[in-house]
Amino acid sequence: MHGTFANAAEFGERVFCCVQGIHALEALQTAGEENLAGKILVDKSNPFLHKDGNISLDPQYSGWNSLGEEVQRMLPRTKVVKTLNYLGYNLMTNPGMLPEAITGFYCGNDSEAKQAVAALLKDFGWTDTMDLGDISRSRYTEMLGAFWPAVYGSLGHMDWGFKLIRK
């Protein structure tokens, strides 16, 4: 089966934004605000610019702004939760492939949506998750995602993650 972004948004109970970050707003606009209203949007996009084997955050989404915040502003009736945007795709639904538990960070403005996403992460196999707060915290997960080229360059693979050791 195939369809448009609007078809997927209309059909989905929970919708994932998995497009390259520089196209996220356009894709979500195409999906339609009405089709996403009242739904949970799991935003795993990052506003990265690629150049010479490196990435950096698009300047319009750094400092006191983030792509996650822009998505939430554009879709005020949608429950945006930013997660899974700071690690390789192979770990998103299989974090147990690593020998130790890694931390699944998430943030958003709606507490019930965050609880639902935390449950979804648990279903994916995440045993260590952490609510970072409101959607403005996506600034930090987006920056954390920008760290992967350095580690990938050293290891040559994406089979690694972050673990927050806390007291």
N, C-alpha and C. Protein backbone atom coordinates (compact mmCIF):
# COMPACT_ATOMS: atom_id res chain seq x y z
N MET A 1 0.84 -1.17 0.00
CA MET A 1 0.00 0.00 0.00
C MET A 1 0.89 1.24 0.00
N HIS A 2 0.44 2.27 -0.66
CA HIS A 2 1.18 3.52 -0.70
C HIS A 2 0.20 4.68 -0.69
N GLY A 3 0.70 5.85 -0.44
CA GLY A 3 -0.15 7.02 -0.42
C GLY A 3 0.68 8.27 -0.20
N THR A 4 -0.01 9.33 0.09
CA THR A 4 0.63 10.63 0.29
C THR A 4 0.90 10.86 1.77
N PHE A 5 1.62 11.93 2.07
CA PHE A 5 1.80 12.32 3.47
C PHE A 5 0.44 12.60 4.10
N ALA A 6 -0.45 13.21 3.36
CA ALA A 6 -1.80 13.51 3.88
C ALA A 6 -2.55 12.21 4.18
N ASN A 7 -2.44 11.20 3.30
CA ASN A 7 -3.09 9.91 3.56
C ASN A 7 -2.56 9.28 4.84
N ALA A 8 -1.26 9.29 5.01
CA ALA A 8 -0.65 8.70 6.21
C ALA A 8 -1.07 9.44 7.46
N ALA A 9 -1.07 10.77 7.41
CA ALA A 9 -1.46 11.57 8.57
C ALA A 9 -2.92 11.37 8.93
N GLU A 10 -3.76 11.27 7.92
CA GLU A 10 -5.18 11.05 8.16
C GLU A 10 -5.41 9.67 8.77
N PHE A 11 -4.70 8.67 8.29
CA PHE A 11 -4.88 7.30 8.73
C PHE A 11 -4.28 7.04 10.11
N GLY A 12 -3.11 7.59 10.38
CA GLY A 12 -2.35 7.24 11.57
C GLY A 12 -2.96 7.73 12.87
N GLU A 13 -2.87 6.86 13.87
CA GLU A 13 -3.26 7.24 15.23
C GLU A 13 -2.10 8.00 15.87
N ARG A 14 -0.91 7.49 15.63
CA ARG A 14 0.35 8.15 15.99
C ARG A 14 1.15 8.25 14.71
N VAL A 15 1.67 9.41 14.45
CA VAL A 15 2.37 9.66 13.20
C VAL A 15 3.84 9.93 13.49
N PHE A 16 4.72 9.34 12.68
CA PHE A 16 6.15 9.56 12.83
C PHE A 16 6.64 10.49 11.72
N CYS A 17 7.42 11.49 12.10
CA CYS A 17 8.08 12.36 11.13
C CYS A 17 9.51 11.84 10.99
N CYS A 18 9.77 11.17 9.89
CA CYS A 18 11.06 10.51 9.65
C CYS A 18 11.76 11.05 8.42
N VAL A 19 11.43 12.23 7.99
CA VAL A 19 12.06 12.79 6.80
C VAL A 19 13.32 13.56 7.20
N GLN A 20 14.18 13.81 6.22
CA GLN A 20 15.36 14.63 6.47
C GLN A 20 14.89 15.97 7.02
N GLY A 21 15.50 16.40 8.10
CA GLY A 21 15.03 17.58 8.84
C GLY A 21 14.81 18.82 8.02
N ILE A 22 15.65 19.06 7.02
CA ILE A 22 15.48 20.28 6.22
C ILE A 22 14.20 20.24 5.40
N HIS A 23 13.55 19.07 5.33
CA HIS A 23 12.28 18.94 4.60
C HIS A 23 11.10 18.68 5.54
N ALA A 24 11.33 18.66 6.85
CA ALA A 24 10.29 18.28 7.80
C ALA A 24 9.08 19.21 7.76
N LEU A 25 9.31 20.50 7.81
CA LEU A 25 8.18 21.43 7.83
C LEU A 25 7.35 21.33 6.56
N GLU A 26 8.03 21.20 5.44
CA GLU A 26 7.32 21.06 4.16
C GLU A 26 6.50 19.76 4.12
N ALA A 27 7.10 18.67 4.57
CA ALA A 27 6.39 17.38 4.58
C ALA A 27 5.19 17.42 5.51
N LEU A 28 5.36 18.03 6.68
CA LEU A 28 4.25 18.11 7.63
C LEU A 28 3.16 19.06 7.14
N GLN A 29 3.55 20.11 6.45
CA GLN A 29 2.56 21.01 5.85
C GLN A 29 1.75 20.25 4.80
N THR A 30 2.44 19.42 4.02
CA THR A 30 1.76 18.60 3.01
C THR A 30 0.84 17.58 3.66
N ALA A 31 1.26 17.08 4.84
CA ALA A 31 0.43 16.11 5.56
C ALA A 31 -0.89 16.74 5.99
N GLY A 32 -0.87 18.01 6.30
CA GLY A 32 -2.08 18.75 6.63
C GLY A 32 -2.32 18.90 8.12
N GLU A 33 -2.44 20.13 8.54
CA GLU A 33 -2.69 20.43 9.95
C GLU A 33 -3.95 19.74 10.46
N GLU A 34 -5.01 19.74 9.66
CA GLU A 34 -6.26 19.09 10.07
C GLU A 34 -6.09 17.58 10.28
N ASN A 35 -5.27 16.96 9.43
CA ASN A 35 -5.04 15.51 9.54
C ASN A 35 -4.22 15.14 10.77
N LEU A 36 -3.45 16.10 11.29
CA LEU A 36 -2.59 15.84 12.44
C LEU A 36 -3.16 16.36 13.76
N ALA A 37 -4.22 17.14 13.69
CA ALA A 37 -4.81 17.75 14.89
C ALA A 37 -5.24 16.67 15.89
N GLY A 38 -4.82 16.86 17.14
CA GLY A 38 -5.19 15.95 18.22
C GLY A 38 -4.37 14.67 18.28
N LYS A 39 -3.50 14.46 17.33
CA LYS A 39 -2.71 13.23 17.27
C LYS A 39 -1.33 13.44 17.88
N ILE A 40 -0.69 12.33 18.20
CA ILE A 40 0.69 12.35 18.65
C ILE A 40 1.58 12.29 17.42
N LEU A 41 2.50 13.24 17.34
CA LEU A 41 3.49 13.25 16.27
C LEU A 41 4.85 12.97 16.90
N VAL A 42 5.42 11.82 16.59
CA VAL A 42 6.76 11.48 17.05
C VAL A 42 7.73 12.07 16.04
N ASP A 43 8.43 13.10 16.48
CA ASP A 43 9.33 13.84 15.59
C ASP A 43 10.75 13.35 15.82
N LYS A 44 11.31 12.66 14.83
CA LYS A 44 12.69 12.20 14.93
C LYS A 44 13.59 12.87 13.89
N SER A 45 13.13 14.01 13.41
CA SER A 45 13.89 14.74 12.40
C SER A 45 14.93 15.66 13.05
N ASN A 46 15.96 15.98 12.30
CA ASN A 46 17.03 16.87 12.74
C ASN A 46 17.33 17.89 11.64
N PRO A 47 17.57 19.14 12.02
CA PRO A 47 17.85 20.18 11.03
C PRO A 47 19.33 20.24 10.65
N PHE A 48 19.83 19.18 10.05
CA PHE A 48 21.25 19.09 9.74
C PHE A 48 21.56 19.55 8.33
N LEU A 49 22.69 20.24 8.22
CA LEU A 49 23.28 20.58 6.94
C LEU A 49 24.52 19.70 6.79
N HIS A 50 24.70 19.13 5.61
CA HIS A 50 25.81 18.22 5.34
C HIS A 50 26.83 18.90 4.43
N LYS A 51 28.12 18.79 4.82
CA LYS A 51 29.18 19.36 3.99
C LYS A 51 30.51 18.68 4.31
N ASP A 52 31.16 18.18 3.29
CA ASP A 52 32.50 17.59 3.42
C ASP A 52 32.57 16.51 4.50
N GLY A 53 31.55 15.66 4.59
CA GLY A 53 31.56 14.57 5.54
C GLY A 53 31.22 14.98 6.97
N ASN A 54 30.81 16.20 7.16
CA ASN A 54 30.44 16.70 8.48
C ASN A 54 29.00 17.19 8.44
N ILE A 55 28.42 17.34 9.61
CA ILE A 55 27.09 17.94 9.70
C ILE A 55 27.12 19.03 10.76
N SER A 56 26.23 19.97 10.60
CA SER A 56 26.02 21.00 11.62
C SER A 56 24.54 21.34 11.62
N LEU A 57 24.11 21.96 12.69
CA LEU A 57 22.72 22.39 12.77
C LEU A 57 22.51 23.57 11.83
N ASP A 58 21.39 23.55 11.13
CA ASP A 58 21.01 24.70 10.33
C ASP A 58 20.90 25.90 11.28
N PRO A 59 21.57 27.00 11.02
CA PRO A 59 21.59 28.14 11.95
C PRO A 59 20.20 28.64 12.37
N GLN A 60 19.21 28.48 11.51
CA GLN A 60 17.88 28.97 11.90
C GLN A 60 17.25 28.10 12.99
N TYR A 61 17.83 26.92 13.24
CA TYR A 61 17.32 26.02 14.28
C TYR A 61 18.36 25.76 15.36
N SER A 62 19.14 26.76 15.68
CA SER A 62 20.11 26.60 16.75
C SER A 62 19.99 27.78 17.70
N GLY A 63 20.72 27.73 18.77
CA GLY A 63 20.62 28.79 19.76
C GLY A 63 19.33 28.68 20.54
N TRP A 64 18.47 29.66 20.37
CA TRP A 64 17.22 29.72 21.13
C TRP A 64 16.04 29.16 20.38
N ASN A 65 16.29 28.29 19.43
CA ASN A 65 15.22 27.69 18.63
C ASN A 65 15.63 26.28 18.24
N SER A 66 14.67 25.48 17.85
CA SER A 66 14.95 24.13 17.36
C SER A 66 13.89 23.76 16.33
N LEU A 67 14.18 22.73 15.58
CA LEU A 67 13.20 22.24 14.61
C LEU A 67 11.97 21.71 15.35
N GLY A 68 12.18 21.02 16.46
CA GLY A 68 11.05 20.51 17.25
C GLY A 68 10.10 21.62 17.66
N GLU A 69 10.65 22.75 18.08
CA GLU A 69 9.81 23.89 18.47
C GLU A 69 9.07 24.46 17.28
N GLU A 70 9.74 24.53 16.14
CA GLU A 70 9.10 25.04 14.92
C GLU A 70 7.95 24.13 14.49
N VAL A 71 8.15 22.82 14.60
CA VAL A 71 7.09 21.87 14.27
C VAL A 71 5.90 22.10 15.19
N GLN A 72 6.15 22.25 16.49
CA GLN A 72 5.06 22.46 17.43
C GLN A 72 4.33 23.77 17.15
N ARG A 73 5.07 24.84 16.83
CA ARG A 73 4.43 26.12 16.51
C ARG A 73 3.57 26.01 15.25
N MET A 74 4.06 25.27 14.26
CA MET A 74 3.33 25.11 13.01
C MET A 74 2.07 24.27 13.20
N LEU A 75 2.12 23.34 14.16
CA LEU A 75 1.01 22.41 14.41
C LEU A 75 0.54 22.53 15.87
N PRO A 76 -0.08 23.64 16.23
CA PRO A 76 -0.42 23.88 17.64
C PRO A 76 -1.43 22.88 18.22
N ARG A 77 -2.21 22.23 17.38
CA ARG A 77 -3.20 21.26 17.88
C ARG A 77 -2.68 19.82 17.83
N THR A 78 -1.39 19.66 17.51
CA THR A 78 -0.76 18.35 17.44
C THR A 78 0.15 18.19 18.66
N LYS A 79 0.20 16.98 19.19
CA LYS A 79 1.01 16.68 20.37
C LYS A 79 2.37 16.17 19.91
N VAL A 80 3.30 17.09 19.76
CA VAL A 80 4.64 16.77 19.23
C VAL A 80 5.52 16.25 20.37
N VAL A 81 6.14 15.10 20.12
CA VAL A 81 7.13 14.54 21.05
C VAL A 81 8.39 14.23 20.24
N LYS A 82 9.50 14.84 20.64
CA LYS A 82 10.78 14.63 19.96
C LYS A 82 11.49 13.47 20.66
N THR A 83 11.90 12.47 19.87
CA THR A 83 12.67 11.34 20.39
C THR A 83 13.34 10.60 19.24
N LEU A 84 14.29 9.75 19.59
CA LEU A 84 14.97 8.84 18.66
C LEU A 84 15.76 9.57 17.57
N ASN A 85 15.94 10.87 17.69
CA ASN A 85 16.61 11.65 16.65
C ASN A 85 18.11 11.78 16.86
N TYR A 86 18.64 11.11 17.84
CA TYR A 86 20.05 11.28 18.19
C TYR A 86 20.85 9.98 18.09
N LEU A 87 20.30 8.96 17.42
CA LEU A 87 21.00 7.69 17.29
C LEU A 87 20.70 7.04 15.96
N GLY A 88 21.42 5.99 15.65
CA GLY A 88 21.25 5.29 14.39
C GLY A 88 19.92 4.56 14.31
N TYR A 89 19.41 4.44 13.10
CA TYR A 89 18.11 3.80 12.87
C TYR A 89 18.07 2.38 13.40
N ASN A 90 19.19 1.68 13.37
CA ASN A 90 19.23 0.28 13.78
C ASN A 90 18.93 0.10 15.26
N LEU A 91 19.09 1.13 16.07
CA LEU A 91 18.83 1.03 17.51
C LEU A 91 17.43 1.50 17.91
N MET A 92 16.75 2.22 17.04
CA MET A 92 15.48 2.83 17.42
C MET A 92 14.47 1.82 17.94
N THR A 93 14.36 0.70 17.26
CA THR A 93 13.41 -0.32 17.69
C THR A 93 14.10 -1.57 18.21
N ASN A 94 15.42 -1.47 18.41
CA ASN A 94 16.17 -2.61 18.93
C ASN A 94 17.35 -2.15 19.78
N PRO A 95 17.09 -1.37 20.84
CA PRO A 95 18.20 -0.89 21.66
C PRO A 95 18.91 -2.03 22.40
N GLY A 96 18.25 -3.16 22.56
CA GLY A 96 18.83 -4.30 23.24
C GLY A 96 19.94 -4.98 22.47
N MET A 97 20.20 -4.54 21.24
CA MET A 97 21.30 -5.14 20.49
C MET A 97 22.66 -4.76 21.08
N LEU A 98 22.67 -3.72 21.93
CA LEU A 98 23.90 -3.32 22.59
C LEU A 98 24.04 -4.06 23.93
N PRO A 99 25.26 -4.22 24.41
CA PRO A 99 25.47 -4.99 25.64
C PRO A 99 24.98 -4.30 26.92
N GLU A 100 24.75 -2.99 26.86
CA GLU A 100 24.24 -2.25 28.01
C GLU A 100 23.04 -1.42 27.57
N ALA A 101 22.18 -1.11 28.54
CA ALA A 101 21.02 -0.26 28.25
C ALA A 101 21.50 1.16 27.95
N ILE A 102 20.94 1.74 26.89
CA ILE A 102 21.21 3.14 26.57
C ILE A 102 19.96 3.94 26.93
N THR A 103 20.11 5.25 27.01
CA THR A 103 19.01 6.10 27.48
C THR A 103 18.20 6.63 26.31
N GLY A 104 16.89 6.48 26.40
CA GLY A 104 15.95 6.99 25.41
C GLY A 104 15.38 8.32 25.88
N PHE A 105 15.89 9.40 25.34
CA PHE A 105 15.43 10.73 25.72
C PHE A 105 14.21 11.12 24.90
N TYR A 106 13.29 11.86 25.52
CA TYR A 106 12.14 12.38 24.81
C TYR A 106 11.70 13.68 25.47
N CYS A 107 11.01 14.54 24.70
CA CYS A 107 10.50 15.79 25.23
C CYS A 107 9.28 16.24 24.43
N GLY A 108 8.45 17.02 25.06
CA GLY A 108 7.25 17.54 24.42
C GLY A 108 6.41 18.33 25.42
N ASN A 109 5.39 18.99 24.94
CA ASN A 109 4.57 19.83 25.80
C ASN A 109 3.38 19.12 26.44
N ASP A 110 2.97 17.99 25.89
CA ASP A 110 1.77 17.29 26.37
C ASP A 110 2.19 16.06 27.19
N SER A 111 1.84 16.07 28.49
CA SER A 111 2.28 14.99 29.37
C SER A 111 1.69 13.63 28.99
N GLU A 112 0.44 13.59 28.55
CA GLU A 112 -0.16 12.31 28.15
C GLU A 112 0.51 11.76 26.88
N ALA A 113 0.84 12.64 25.96
CA ALA A 113 1.53 12.21 24.74
C ALA A 113 2.92 11.67 25.09
N LYS A 114 3.60 12.32 26.02
CA LYS A 114 4.92 11.84 26.43
C LYS A 114 4.81 10.47 27.11
N GLN A 115 3.78 10.27 27.90
CA GLN A 115 3.56 8.96 28.54
C GLN A 115 3.31 7.89 27.47
N ALA A 116 2.54 8.23 26.46
CA ALA A 116 2.27 7.28 25.38
C ALA A 116 3.54 6.95 24.61
N VAL A 117 4.38 7.94 24.38
CA VAL A 117 5.64 7.70 23.67
C VAL A 117 6.59 6.89 24.55
N ALA A 118 6.61 7.15 25.84
CA ALA A 118 7.44 6.35 26.76
C ALA A 118 7.01 4.89 26.71
N ALA A 119 5.71 4.64 26.67
CA ALA A 119 5.20 3.27 26.57
C ALA A 119 5.60 2.64 25.23
N LEU A 120 5.55 3.43 24.18
CA LEU A 120 5.97 2.95 22.86
C LEU A 120 7.46 2.58 22.87
N LEU A 121 8.27 3.43 23.48
CA LEU A 121 9.70 3.13 23.59
C LEU A 121 9.91 1.83 24.37
N LYS A 122 9.16 1.64 25.42
CA LYS A 122 9.25 0.40 26.19
C LYS A 122 8.89 -0.80 25.30
N ASP A 123 7.85 -0.65 24.49
CA ASP A 123 7.47 -1.72 23.55
C ASP A 123 8.59 -2.00 22.56
N PHE A 124 9.36 -0.98 22.21
CA PHE A 124 10.49 -1.15 21.29
C PHE A 124 11.69 -1.80 21.97
N GLY A 125 11.64 -1.92 23.31
CA GLY A 125 12.73 -2.56 24.04
C GLY A 125 13.58 -1.63 24.88
N TRP A 126 13.20 -0.37 24.97
CA TRP A 126 13.95 0.59 25.78
C TRP A 126 13.67 0.33 27.25
N THR A 127 14.73 0.11 28.05
CA THR A 127 14.56 -0.11 29.49
C THR A 127 14.95 1.12 30.29
N ASP A 128 15.61 2.08 29.67
CA ASP A 128 16.03 3.31 30.33
C ASP A 128 15.57 4.49 29.48
N THR A 129 14.56 5.21 29.96
CA THR A 129 14.08 6.39 29.24
C THR A 129 14.08 7.58 30.19
N MET A 130 14.07 8.75 29.60
CA MET A 130 14.09 9.96 30.41
C MET A 130 13.33 11.09 29.73
N ASP A 131 12.37 11.65 30.46
CA ASP A 131 11.61 12.81 30.02
C ASP A 131 12.46 14.04 30.30
N LEU A 132 12.85 14.75 29.24
CA LEU A 132 13.69 15.93 29.39
C LEU A 132 12.90 17.20 29.66
N GLY A 133 11.59 17.17 29.47
CA GLY A 133 10.78 18.36 29.70
C GLY A 133 10.01 18.77 28.46
N ASP A 134 9.79 20.06 28.32
CA ASP A 134 8.96 20.56 27.21
C ASP A 134 9.71 20.51 25.88
N ILE A 135 9.02 20.89 24.82
CA ILE A 135 9.56 20.75 23.47
C ILE A 135 10.81 21.59 23.24
N SER A 136 11.04 22.62 24.06
CA SER A 136 12.26 23.41 23.90
C SER A 136 13.51 22.55 24.15
N ARG A 137 13.36 21.44 24.85
CA ARG A 137 14.49 20.54 25.11
C ARG A 137 14.93 19.79 23.86
N SER A 138 14.14 19.88 22.80
CA SER A 138 14.58 19.25 21.55
C SER A 138 15.82 19.95 21.01
N ARG A 139 16.10 21.16 21.48
CA ARG A 139 17.34 21.83 21.11
C ARG A 139 18.53 20.93 21.44
N TYR A 140 18.44 20.25 22.56
CA TYR A 140 19.57 19.45 23.05
C TYR A 140 19.64 18.08 22.37
N THR A 141 18.50 17.46 22.11
CA THR A 141 18.57 16.17 21.42
C THR A 141 19.00 16.38 19.97
N GLU A 142 18.63 17.51 19.39
CA GLU A 142 19.09 17.81 18.03
C GLU A 142 20.60 18.05 18.02
N MET A 143 21.13 18.72 19.04
CA MET A 143 22.58 18.90 19.12
C MET A 143 23.27 17.56 19.37
N LEU A 144 22.68 16.73 20.20
CA LEU A 144 23.26 15.42 20.49
C LEU A 144 23.33 14.58 19.21
N GLY A 145 22.32 14.69 18.38
CA GLY A 145 22.33 13.98 17.11
C GLY A 145 23.46 14.39 16.19
N ALA A 146 23.91 15.62 16.33
CA ALA A 146 25.00 16.12 15.49
C ALA A 146 26.35 15.51 15.86
N PHE A 147 26.39 14.74 16.93
CA PHE A 147 27.62 14.11 17.40
C PHE A 147 27.98 12.84 16.63
N TRP A 148 26.98 12.25 15.94
CA TRP A 148 27.21 10.93 15.34
C TRP A 148 28.31 10.87 14.29
N PRO A 149 28.55 11.89 13.43
CA PRO A 149 29.61 11.73 12.43
C PRO A 149 30.99 11.51 13.05
N ALA A 150 31.27 12.17 14.17
CA ALA A 150 32.57 12.00 14.82
C ALA A 150 32.74 10.57 15.32
N VAL A 151 31.70 10.04 15.97
CA VAL A 151 31.80 8.67 16.49
C VAL A 151 31.80 7.67 15.35
N TYR A 152 30.96 7.89 14.36
CA TYR A 152 30.93 7.00 13.20
C TYR A 152 32.31 7.00 12.52
N GLY A 153 32.91 8.16 12.42
CA GLY A 153 34.23 8.25 11.81
C GLY A 153 35.29 7.46 12.56
N SER A 154 35.14 7.39 13.88
CA SER A 154 36.10 6.64 14.69
C SER A 154 35.80 5.14 14.71
N LEU A 155 34.52 4.78 14.82
CA LEU A 155 34.14 3.37 14.93
C LEU A 155 33.85 2.70 13.59
N GLY A 156 33.33 3.48 12.65
CA GLY A 156 32.96 2.91 11.35
C GLY A 156 31.61 2.24 11.34
N HIS A 157 30.82 2.43 12.38
CA HIS A 157 29.47 1.86 12.44
C HIS A 157 28.60 2.68 13.40
N MET A 158 27.31 2.39 13.40
CA MET A 158 26.36 3.12 14.24
C MET A 158 25.84 2.27 15.40
N ASP A 159 26.55 1.24 15.78
CA ASP A 159 26.11 0.36 16.86
C ASP A 159 26.60 0.89 18.21
N TRP A 160 26.13 2.06 18.59
CA TRP A 160 26.49 2.68 19.86
C TRP A 160 25.38 3.65 20.25
N GLY A 161 25.33 3.98 21.51
CA GLY A 161 24.33 4.91 21.99
C GLY A 161 24.81 5.63 23.22
N PHE A 162 23.99 6.52 23.73
CA PHE A 162 24.32 7.30 24.91
C PHE A 162 23.62 6.70 26.13
N LYS A 163 24.33 6.66 27.23
CA LYS A 163 23.76 6.21 28.49
C LYS A 163 24.01 7.30 29.51
N LEU A 164 22.94 7.78 30.11
CA LEU A 164 23.06 8.81 31.14
C LEU A 164 23.15 8.10 32.48
N ILE A 165 24.28 8.23 33.12
CA ILE A 165 24.48 7.67 34.45
C ILE A 165 24.00 8.72 35.44
N ARG A 166 23.09 8.36 36.28
CA ARG A 166 22.53 9.33 37.22
C ARG A 166 22.39 8.73 38.61
N LYS A 167 22.34 9.60 39.57
CA LYS A 167 22.24 9.19 40.97
C LYS A 167 20.81 9.09 41.37
